[in-house]
N, C-alpha and C. Protein backbone atom coordinates (compact mmCIF):
# COMPACT_ATOMS: atom_id res chain seq x y z
N MET A 1 -47.53 -12.25 -27.87
CA MET A 1 -48.63 -11.23 -27.64
C MET A 1 -47.39 -9.88 -27.57
N CYS A 2 -47.83 -8.99 -28.09
CA CYS A 2 -47.02 -8.09 -27.86
C CYS A 2 -47.90 -7.09 -27.04
N ARG A 3 -46.87 -5.76 -26.70
CA ARG A 3 -47.48 -5.18 -25.18
C ARG A 3 -47.89 -3.62 -26.12
N ILE A 4 -49.04 -3.27 -25.79
CA ILE A 4 -49.09 -1.99 -27.05
C ILE A 4 -49.28 -0.94 -25.53
N ILE A 5 -48.33 0.53 -25.79
CA ILE A 5 -48.41 1.31 -24.79
C ILE A 5 -48.74 2.79 -25.79
N PHE A 6 -49.00 3.54 -24.42
CA PHE A 6 -49.03 5.09 -24.88
C PHE A 6 -47.36 5.20 -25.15
N CYS A 7 -46.71 5.56 -26.09
CA CYS A 7 -45.48 6.29 -26.46
C CYS A 7 -45.47 7.72 -26.40
N THR A 8 -44.84 8.06 -25.23
CA THR A 8 -44.45 9.49 -25.01
C THR A 8 -43.63 10.40 -26.03
N PHE A 9 -42.71 9.53 -26.61
CA PHE A 9 -42.05 10.24 -27.58
C PHE A 9 -42.97 10.27 -29.22
N LEU A 10 -43.60 9.41 -29.36
CA LEU A 10 -43.95 9.00 -31.02
C LEU A 10 -45.63 9.95 -30.51
N LYS A 11 -46.10 10.07 -29.18
CA LYS A 11 -47.34 10.90 -29.12
C LYS A 11 -48.82 9.91 -29.47
N GLU A 12 -48.44 8.38 -29.73
CA GLU A 12 -49.26 7.76 -30.12
C GLU A 12 -49.24 6.45 -29.31
N LYS A 13 -50.22 5.64 -29.52
CA LYS A 13 -50.15 3.85 -29.09
C LYS A 13 -49.44 3.29 -30.05
N SER A 14 -48.26 2.45 -29.61
CA SER A 14 -47.38 1.73 -30.11
C SER A 14 -46.98 0.20 -29.60
N GLU A 15 -46.20 -0.50 -30.33
CA GLU A 15 -45.79 -1.67 -29.43
C GLU A 15 -44.87 -1.04 -28.56
N GLY A 16 -44.74 -1.88 -27.36
CA GLY A 16 -43.74 -1.50 -25.94
C GLY A 16 -42.74 -2.31 -26.32
N GLN A 17 -41.54 -2.18 -25.80
CA GLN A 17 -40.41 -2.81 -25.40
C GLN A 17 -40.74 -4.60 -24.84
N ASP A 18 -40.09 -5.34 -25.34
CA ASP A 18 -40.10 -6.89 -24.90
C ASP A 18 -39.63 -7.12 -23.38
N PHE A 19 -39.01 -6.11 -22.95
CA PHE A 19 -38.17 -6.40 -22.02
C PHE A 19 -37.67 -4.70 -21.54
N GLN A 20 -37.06 -4.86 -20.13
CA GLN A 20 -36.41 -3.38 -19.82
C GLN A 20 -35.20 -3.13 -20.33
N VAL A 21 -34.92 -2.27 -21.25
CA VAL A 21 -33.58 -2.22 -22.39
C VAL A 21 -32.38 -1.65 -21.32
N TYR A 22 -33.16 -0.71 -20.31
CA TYR A 22 -32.04 -0.06 -19.78
C TYR A 22 -32.17 -0.05 -18.35
N PRO A 23 -31.08 -0.19 -17.34
CA PRO A 23 -31.26 -0.53 -15.69
C PRO A 23 -32.09 0.84 -15.13
N GLY A 24 -32.43 0.31 -13.39
CA GLY A 24 -32.91 1.16 -13.00
C GLY A 24 -34.56 1.63 -13.17
N THR A 25 -34.47 3.49 -12.33
CA THR A 25 -35.68 3.72 -12.33
C THR A 25 -35.82 4.22 -13.94
N LEU A 26 -34.83 5.01 -14.84
CA LEU A 26 -34.99 5.23 -16.01
C LEU A 26 -35.39 4.24 -16.76
N GLY A 27 -35.04 3.07 -16.58
CA GLY A 27 -35.06 1.86 -17.65
C GLY A 27 -36.79 1.48 -17.57
N LYS A 28 -37.25 1.54 -15.89
CA LYS A 28 -38.66 1.25 -16.07
C LYS A 28 -39.62 2.39 -16.50
N LYS A 29 -38.83 3.47 -16.72
CA LYS A 29 -39.63 4.61 -17.02
C LYS A 29 -39.56 4.51 -18.55
N ILE A 30 -38.72 4.16 -19.41
CA ILE A 30 -38.25 3.55 -20.63
C ILE A 30 -39.77 2.53 -21.28
N TYR A 31 -39.40 1.60 -20.40
CA TYR A 31 -39.88 0.34 -20.29
C TYR A 31 -41.79 0.53 -20.89
N ASN A 32 -41.72 1.57 -19.87
CA ASN A 32 -43.61 1.95 -19.33
C ASN A 32 -44.05 2.97 -20.46
N GLU A 33 -42.90 3.66 -20.83
CA GLU A 33 -43.25 4.71 -21.72
C GLU A 33 -42.98 5.32 -23.14
N ILE A 34 -41.81 4.35 -23.28
CA ILE A 34 -41.29 4.51 -24.96
C ILE A 34 -41.26 3.15 -25.80
N SER A 35 -41.78 3.30 -26.95
CA SER A 35 -41.96 2.12 -27.79
C SER A 35 -40.57 1.70 -28.57
N LYS A 36 -41.14 0.35 -28.90
CA LYS A 36 -39.71 -0.11 -29.80
C LYS A 36 -39.39 0.75 -31.06
N LYS A 37 -40.16 1.25 -31.52
CA LYS A 37 -39.87 2.33 -32.60
C LYS A 37 -39.33 3.32 -32.15
N ALA A 38 -39.59 4.48 -31.37
CA ALA A 38 -38.98 5.42 -30.37
C ALA A 38 -37.42 4.72 -29.69
N TRP A 39 -37.54 3.64 -29.86
CA TRP A 39 -35.76 3.23 -29.13
C TRP A 39 -35.18 3.19 -30.36
N GLU A 40 -35.42 2.70 -31.37
CA GLU A 40 -34.76 2.43 -32.37
C GLU A 40 -34.22 3.99 -32.90
N LYS A 41 -35.26 4.62 -32.97
CA LYS A 41 -34.55 6.03 -33.19
C LYS A 41 -33.55 6.47 -32.21
N TRP A 42 -33.75 6.24 -31.01
CA TRP A 42 -32.96 6.69 -30.13
C TRP A 42 -31.41 5.85 -30.30
N ILE A 43 -31.52 4.89 -30.86
CA ILE A 43 -30.37 4.06 -30.93
C ILE A 43 -29.62 4.94 -31.98
N VAL A 44 -29.97 4.52 -33.06
CA VAL A 44 -29.26 5.56 -34.36
C VAL A 44 -28.63 6.76 -33.92
N GLN A 45 -29.39 7.88 -33.34
CA GLN A 45 -29.04 9.06 -32.21
C GLN A 45 -27.85 8.83 -31.51
N GLN A 46 -27.73 7.65 -30.76
CA GLN A 46 -26.82 7.34 -29.58
C GLN A 46 -25.68 7.01 -30.64
N THR A 47 -25.64 6.04 -31.48
CA THR A 47 -24.52 6.00 -32.37
C THR A 47 -24.02 7.16 -33.19
N ILE A 48 -24.60 8.16 -33.81
CA ILE A 48 -24.24 9.47 -34.11
C ILE A 48 -23.37 10.27 -33.07
N LEU A 49 -24.07 10.31 -31.91
CA LEU A 49 -23.40 11.38 -30.66
C LEU A 49 -22.24 10.39 -30.45
N ILE A 50 -22.33 9.13 -30.06
CA ILE A 50 -21.05 8.06 -29.58
C ILE A 50 -19.76 8.58 -30.80
N ASN A 51 -20.25 8.22 -31.69
CA ASN A 51 -19.10 8.66 -32.91
C ASN A 51 -18.63 9.98 -33.14
N GLU A 52 -19.70 11.17 -33.50
CA GLU A 52 -19.17 12.01 -33.32
C GLU A 52 -18.10 12.68 -32.12
N ASN A 53 -18.54 12.67 -30.75
CA ASN A 53 -17.83 12.95 -29.66
C ASN A 53 -16.59 12.27 -29.23
N LYS A 54 -16.25 11.03 -29.92
CA LYS A 54 -15.58 10.11 -29.67
C LYS A 54 -15.48 9.66 -28.61
N LEU A 55 -17.05 9.04 -28.05
CA LEU A 55 -17.09 8.86 -26.45
C LEU A 55 -16.69 7.48 -26.34
N ASN A 56 -16.51 7.22 -25.40
CA ASN A 56 -15.97 5.92 -24.89
C ASN A 56 -17.19 5.26 -23.80
N MET A 57 -17.58 4.14 -24.15
CA MET A 57 -18.95 3.93 -23.09
C MET A 57 -18.01 2.76 -22.21
N PHE A 58 -17.00 2.46 -22.03
CA PHE A 58 -15.84 2.39 -20.70
C PHE A 58 -16.15 2.96 -19.91
N ASN A 59 -15.71 4.58 -19.91
CA ASN A 59 -15.59 5.53 -19.39
C ASN A 59 -17.03 6.38 -18.78
N LEU A 60 -16.84 6.23 -16.89
CA LEU A 60 -18.33 6.83 -16.54
C LEU A 60 -18.66 7.85 -17.15
N GLU A 61 -18.09 8.79 -17.29
CA GLU A 61 -18.16 10.48 -17.47
C GLU A 61 -18.87 10.49 -18.83
N ASP A 62 -18.40 9.28 -19.88
CA ASP A 62 -19.08 9.67 -21.42
C ASP A 62 -20.48 8.37 -21.01
N ARG A 63 -20.51 7.62 -20.27
CA ARG A 63 -22.00 7.18 -20.20
C ARG A 63 -22.94 7.97 -19.48
N LYS A 64 -22.06 8.95 -18.56
CA LYS A 64 -23.21 9.89 -17.98
C LYS A 64 -23.86 11.16 -19.15
N LYS A 65 -22.82 11.11 -20.27
CA LYS A 65 -23.16 12.22 -21.02
C LYS A 65 -24.04 11.66 -22.03
N ILE A 66 -24.09 9.98 -22.55
CA ILE A 66 -25.36 9.71 -23.30
C ILE A 66 -26.67 9.38 -22.44
N GLU A 67 -26.18 9.01 -21.27
CA GLU A 67 -27.80 9.13 -20.66
C GLU A 67 -28.47 10.61 -20.14
N LYS A 68 -27.96 11.22 -20.24
CA LYS A 68 -28.34 12.82 -20.17
C LYS A 68 -28.70 13.07 -21.82
N HIS A 69 -28.31 12.92 -22.44
CA HIS A 69 -28.37 13.02 -24.19
C HIS A 69 -29.96 11.99 -24.17
N MET A 70 -29.97 11.07 -23.64
CA MET A 70 -31.15 9.83 -23.92
C MET A 70 -32.35 10.16 -23.23
N THR A 71 -32.29 11.15 -22.02
CA THR A 71 -33.33 11.36 -21.16
C THR A 71 -33.98 12.72 -22.01
N LEU A 72 -33.12 13.63 -22.25
CA LEU A 72 -33.51 14.84 -23.30
C LEU A 72 -34.02 14.19 -24.77
N PHE A 73 -33.85 13.54 -25.43
CA PHE A 73 -33.93 13.19 -26.58
C PHE A 73 -35.19 12.18 -26.59
N LEU A 74 -35.83 11.19 -25.82
CA LEU A 74 -36.94 10.54 -25.36
C LEU A 74 -37.61 11.11 -24.66
N PHE A 75 -37.84 12.47 -23.87
CA PHE A 75 -38.81 12.55 -22.79
C PHE A 75 -39.29 14.35 -23.01
N LYS A 76 -38.01 14.96 -23.90
CA LYS A 76 -37.80 16.42 -24.25
C LYS A 76 -38.60 17.04 -24.87
N LYS A 77 -38.46 15.89 -26.05
CA LYS A 77 -39.14 16.67 -27.32
C LYS A 77 -40.55 17.03 -27.40
């Protein structure tokens, strides 16, 4: 049975995540407020950011940049 949530990104009811896809408090917020469809849109955007900016996900500073972009993308549109 799928979990239906109100997605704050899409501004509509949609299928929620099956599990928490990101750790911590931000991960809980994503799990409760961001649908699968919106998360897929973020993954595409994240890939673009990583490739265009040549980010290294083993580097803490680069991961912080991605997290900042993720928060802006998912919650500030």
